[in-house]
C-alpha atoms as a PDB file:
ATOM      1  CA  UNK A   1      10.076 -10.432  32.172  1.00  0.00           C
ATOM      2  CA  UNK A   2      11.007 -11.023  28.743  1.00  0.00           C
ATOM      3  CA  UNK A   3      11.125  -7.565  26.789  1.00  0.00           C
ATOM      4  CA  UNK A   4       8.566  -7.266  23.435  1.00  0.00           C
ATOM      5  CA  UNK A   5       9.541  -6.522  20.354  1.00  0.00           C
ATOM      6  CA  UNK A   6       7.019  -5.152  17.376  1.00  0.00           C
ATOM      7  CA  UNK A   7       5.584  -7.690  15.714  1.00  0.00           C
ATOM      8  CA  UNK A   8       3.695  -6.467  12.066  1.00  0.00           C
ATOM      9  CA  UNK A   9       1.820  -8.791  10.259  1.00  0.00           C
ATOM     10  CA  UNK A  10      -0.795  -8.914   7.322  1.00  0.00           C
ATOM     11  CA  UNK A  11      -3.801 -10.225   7.074  1.00  0.00           C
ATOM     12  CA  UNK A  12      -5.705 -10.824   3.487  1.00  0.00           C
ATOM     13  CA  UNK A  13      -9.190 -11.604   3.625  1.00  0.00           C
ATOM     14  CA  UNK A  14     -12.910 -10.700   2.299  1.00  0.00           C
ATOM     15  CA  UNK A  15     -16.334  -9.527   3.811  1.00  0.00           C
ATOM     16  CA  UNK A  16     -16.614  -8.574   7.303  1.00  0.00           C
ATOM     17  CA  UNK A  17     -13.401  -8.635   9.664  1.00  0.00           C
ATOM     18  CA  UNK A  18     -13.287 -10.619  12.416  1.00  0.00           C
ATOM     19  CA  UNK A  19     -12.986  -7.403  14.742  1.00  0.00           C
ATOM     20  CA  UNK A  20     -12.972  -9.213  18.310  1.00  0.00           C
ATOM     21  CA  UNK A  21      -8.962 -10.723  16.872  1.00  0.00           C
ATOM     22  CA  UNK A  22      -7.418  -7.236  17.219  1.00  0.00           C
ATOM     23  CA  UNK A  23      -8.446  -8.579  21.096  1.00  0.00           C
ATOM     24  CA  UNK A  24      -7.867 -12.197  21.113  1.00  0.00           C
ATOM     25  CA  UNK A  25      -4.342 -11.503  19.052  1.00  0.00           C
ATOM     26  CA  UNK A  26      -3.933  -7.928  21.046  1.00  0.00           C
ATOM     27  CA  UNK A  27      -3.132  -6.244  18.372  1.00  0.00           C
ATOM     28  CA  UNK A  28      -4.592  -3.011  16.626  1.00  0.00           C
ATOM     29  CA  UNK A  29      -3.938  -1.362  13.278  1.00  0.00           C
ATOM     30  CA  UNK A  30      -0.651  -0.305  11.637  1.00  0.00           C
ATOM     31  CA  UNK A  31      -1.771   2.241  10.054  1.00  0.00           C
ATOM     32  CA  UNK A  32      -4.151   4.545   8.965  1.00  0.00           C
ATOM     33  CA  UNK A  33      -5.595   2.949   5.351  1.00  0.00           C
ATOM     34  CA  UNK A  34      -5.465  -0.378   7.580  1.00  0.00           C
ATOM     35  CA  UNK A  35      -8.092   1.358  10.416  1.00  0.00           C
ATOM     36  CA  UNK A  36     -10.349   2.596   7.886  1.00  0.00           C
ATOM     37  CA  UNK A  37     -10.143  -0.795   6.085  1.00  0.00           C
ATOM     38  CA  UNK A  38     -11.389  -2.222   8.899  1.00  0.00           C
ATOM     39  CA  UNK A  39     -13.889  -0.001   9.317  1.00  0.00           C
ATOM     40  CA  UNK A  40     -15.331  -0.324   5.643  1.00  0.00           C
ATOM     41  CA  UNK A  41     -15.010  -4.082   5.212  1.00  0.00           C
ATOM     42  CA  UNK A  42     -18.729  -4.992   6.421  1.00  0.00           C
ATOM     43  CA  UNK A  43     -19.490  -3.064   2.331  1.00  0.00           C
ATOM     44  CA  UNK A  44     -17.138  -4.747   0.752  1.00  0.00           C
ATOM     45  CA  UNK A  45     -16.767  -8.421  -1.595  1.00  0.00           C
ATOM     46  CA  UNK A  46     -13.385  -7.899  -3.071  1.00  0.00           C
ATOM     47  CA  UNK A  47     -10.199  -9.704  -1.087  1.00  0.00           C
ATOM     48  CA  UNK A  48      -8.433  -6.893   1.561  1.00  0.00           C
ATOM     49  CA  UNK A  49      -4.939  -6.573   3.000  1.00  0.00           C
ATOM     50  CA  UNK A  50      -4.767  -5.365   6.409  1.00  0.00           C
ATOM     51  CA  UNK A  51      -1.567  -4.687   8.360  1.00  0.00           C
ATOM     52  CA  UNK A  52      -1.987  -5.156  11.894  1.00  0.00           C
ATOM     53  CA  UNK A  53       0.655  -4.845  14.264  1.00  0.00           C
ATOM     54  CA  UNK A  54       1.212  -5.839  18.205  1.00  0.00           C
ATOM     55  CA  UNK A  55       3.971  -5.579  21.058  1.00  0.00           C
ATOM     56  CA  UNK A  56       4.634  -9.049  22.007  1.00  0.00           C
ATOM     57  CA  UNK A  57       7.115 -11.618  23.248  1.00  0.00           C
ATOM     58  CA  UNK A  58       9.748 -12.123  20.957  1.00  0.00           C
ATOM     59  CA  UNK A  59       9.048 -15.941  20.594  1.00  0.00           C
ATOM     60  CA  UNK A  60       4.794 -14.208  20.143  1.00  0.00           C
ATOM     61  CA  UNK A  61       3.248 -15.691  16.769  1.00  0.00           C
ATOM     62  CA  UNK A  62      -0.404 -14.406  15.649  1.00  0.00           C
ATOM     63  CA  UNK A  63      -3.146 -17.395  15.897  1.00  0.00           C
ATOM     64  CA  UNK A  64      -2.737 -18.580  12.429  1.00  0.00           C
ATOM     65  CA  UNK A  65      -5.529 -21.038  12.670  1.00  0.00           C
ATOM     66  CA  UNK A  66      -8.081 -18.792  14.058  1.00  0.00           C
ATOM     67  CA  UNK A  67      -7.693 -16.144  11.705  1.00  0.00           C
ATOM     68  CA  UNK A  68      -8.231 -18.799   9.249  1.00  0.00           C
ATOM     69  CA  UNK A  69     -11.829 -19.706  11.142  1.00  0.00           C
ATOM     70  CA  UNK A  70     -13.127 -16.273  10.238  1.00  0.00           C
ATOM     71  CA  UNK A  71     -11.872 -16.695   6.356  1.00  0.00           C
ATOM     72  CA  UNK A  72      -9.021 -14.133   6.860  1.00  0.00           C
ATOM     73  CA  UNK A  73      -5.207 -15.618   6.287  1.00  0.00           C
ATOM     74  CA  UNK A  74      -2.232 -14.452   7.767  1.00  0.00           C
ATOM     75  CA  UNK A  75       0.197 -13.433   4.850  1.00  0.00           C
ATOM     76  CA  UNK A  76       3.351 -11.949   5.860  1.00  0.00           C
ATOM     77  CA  UNK A  77       4.655 -11.372   9.899  1.00  0.00           C
ATOM     78  CA  UNK A  78       7.675  -9.664  10.942  1.00  0.00           C
ATOM     79  CA  UNK A  79       9.659  -9.293  13.933  1.00  0.00           C
ATOM     80  CA  UNK A  80      11.976  -5.733  15.096  1.00  0.00           C
ATOM     81  CA  UNK A  81      13.047  -3.871  17.583  1.00  0.00           C
END
């Protein structure tokens, strides 16, 4: 079995956060501010940056086109041990 690494990435968008993307990309909020931003996204109207993380195999990448279909863009990614 391939070892898993911590993938962190930031998404930016406005309006309601596509909560199903957490399930789809098997990721989670990377900090308390991001969790709060997800919870409050339905009331916001400005751009929001949310930091996410996922324990996945080294070659894994978040599904960029699917995020974009919800009008959210991946603006930064990083892989660490």
